Amino acid sequence: MNILQEALKQNFNLDTNIHHKKSKTGSIYERIYIPKAGLEELKPNIVPHIHDSMLYKINAEADFKQNTEGFESNKESETEIDIIDT
């Protein structure tokens, strides 16, 4: 875990913390946490690589537009439809 923590610091100048968690079975495991200030700096670089359904995990929002067929996540994916009255 320390190697990953050092790599994040050296490569991205990202400060992290290690938290110890206890599982349901009683075993202890470690998690790396990124403080909010560091996440805000990193967020613009990682958001394009995260699926829209997971953006809530880093407090980011997708650009959703509701239409009659469901949801679209990008305005760039919109298409023009010409309606012709016959």
Protein backbone atom coordinates (compact mmCIF):
# COMPACT_ATOMS: atom_id res chain seq x y z
CA MET A 1 0.00 0.00 0.00
CA ASN A 2 2.86 2.37 0.77
CA ILE A 3 4.32 1.83 -2.70
CA LEU A 4 1.04 2.92 -4.31
CA GLN A 5 0.80 5.88 -1.95
CA GLU A 6 4.34 6.98 -2.87
CA ALA A 7 3.67 6.52 -6.60
CA LEU A 8 0.57 8.75 -6.40
CA LYS A 9 2.62 11.41 -4.61
CA GLN A 10 5.56 11.28 -7.05
CA ASN A 11 3.58 11.02 -10.29
CA PHE A 12 0.56 13.21 -9.52
CA ASN A 13 1.63 15.19 -6.44
CA LEU A 14 -1.39 13.64 -4.76
CA ASP A 15 -1.53 13.38 -0.98
CA THR A 16 -3.35 10.29 0.29
CA ASN A 17 -4.25 8.72 3.61
CA ILE A 18 -4.46 5.06 4.53
CA HIS A 19 -7.52 4.01 6.54
CA HIS A 20 -7.88 0.62 8.17
CA LYS A 21 -11.26 -1.05 7.83
CA LYS A 22 -12.71 -4.14 9.45
CA SER A 23 -14.62 -6.55 7.20
CA LYS A 24 -17.72 -8.50 8.17
CA THR A 25 -15.52 -11.51 8.84
CA GLY A 26 -13.34 -9.51 11.22
CA SER A 27 -10.25 -9.21 9.06
CA ILE A 28 -8.57 -5.80 8.77
CA TYR A 29 -7.80 -4.30 5.37
CA GLU A 30 -6.47 -0.97 4.12
CA ARG A 31 -8.06 1.66 1.88
CA ILE A 32 -6.40 4.62 0.23
CA TYR A 33 -8.31 7.86 0.64
CA ILE A 34 -7.75 11.02 -1.37
CA PRO A 35 -8.59 14.20 0.56
CA LYS A 36 -11.19 16.46 -1.06
CA ALA A 37 -8.66 19.15 -2.04
CA GLY A 38 -6.58 16.61 -3.96
CA LEU A 39 -9.63 15.10 -5.60
CA GLU A 40 -10.80 18.49 -6.86
CA GLU A 41 -7.44 18.97 -8.63
CA LEU A 42 -7.49 15.44 -10.06
CA LYS A 43 -11.17 15.39 -11.06
CA PRO A 44 -10.89 17.15 -14.48
CA ASN A 45 -8.34 14.55 -15.59
CA ILE A 46 -10.26 11.48 -14.47
CA VAL A 47 -13.91 12.37 -15.19
CA PRO A 48 -13.65 11.49 -18.92
CA HIS A 49 -12.56 7.97 -17.94
CA ILE A 50 -15.36 7.25 -15.45
CA HIS A 51 -18.71 5.82 -16.51
CA ASP A 52 -21.61 8.24 -16.01
CA SER A 53 -23.25 5.90 -13.50
CA MET A 54 -20.17 6.08 -11.25
CA LEU A 55 -19.60 9.85 -11.24
CA TYR A 56 -21.51 10.23 -7.98
CA LYS A 57 -18.60 8.49 -6.24
CA ILE A 58 -16.38 11.53 -6.87
CA ASN A 59 -19.20 14.07 -6.53
CA ALA A 60 -19.29 14.85 -10.25
CA GLU A 61 -22.36 15.11 -12.42
CA ALA A 62 -23.01 13.92 -15.92
CA ASP A 63 -24.69 16.26 -18.36
CA PHE A 64 -28.03 14.46 -18.63
CA LYS A 65 -30.85 15.44 -20.92
CA GLN A 66 -34.17 13.65 -20.69
CA ASN A 67 -36.09 12.87 -23.86
CA THR A 68 -38.92 10.54 -24.73
CA GLU A 69 -36.55 7.61 -25.34
CA GLY A 70 -34.66 7.81 -22.04
CA PHE A 71 -31.49 9.63 -21.12
CA GLU A 72 -28.56 10.89 -23.14
CA SER A 73 -25.32 11.74 -21.39
CA ASN A 74 -23.70 14.10 -23.91
CA LYS A 75 -25.10 17.10 -25.70
CA GLU A 76 -22.68 16.27 -28.53
CA SER A 77 -24.59 13.05 -29.18
CA GLU A 78 -27.79 14.92 -30.03
CA THR A 79 -29.03 14.67 -33.58
CA GLU A 80 -31.36 16.96 -35.47
CA ILE A 81 -34.67 15.51 -36.56
CA ASP A 82 -36.70 17.21 -39.25
CA ILE A 83 -40.43 16.69 -38.92
CA ILE A 84 -42.19 17.00 -42.25
CA ASP A 85 -45.94 17.55 -42.21
CA THR A 86 -47.50 15.66 -45.15
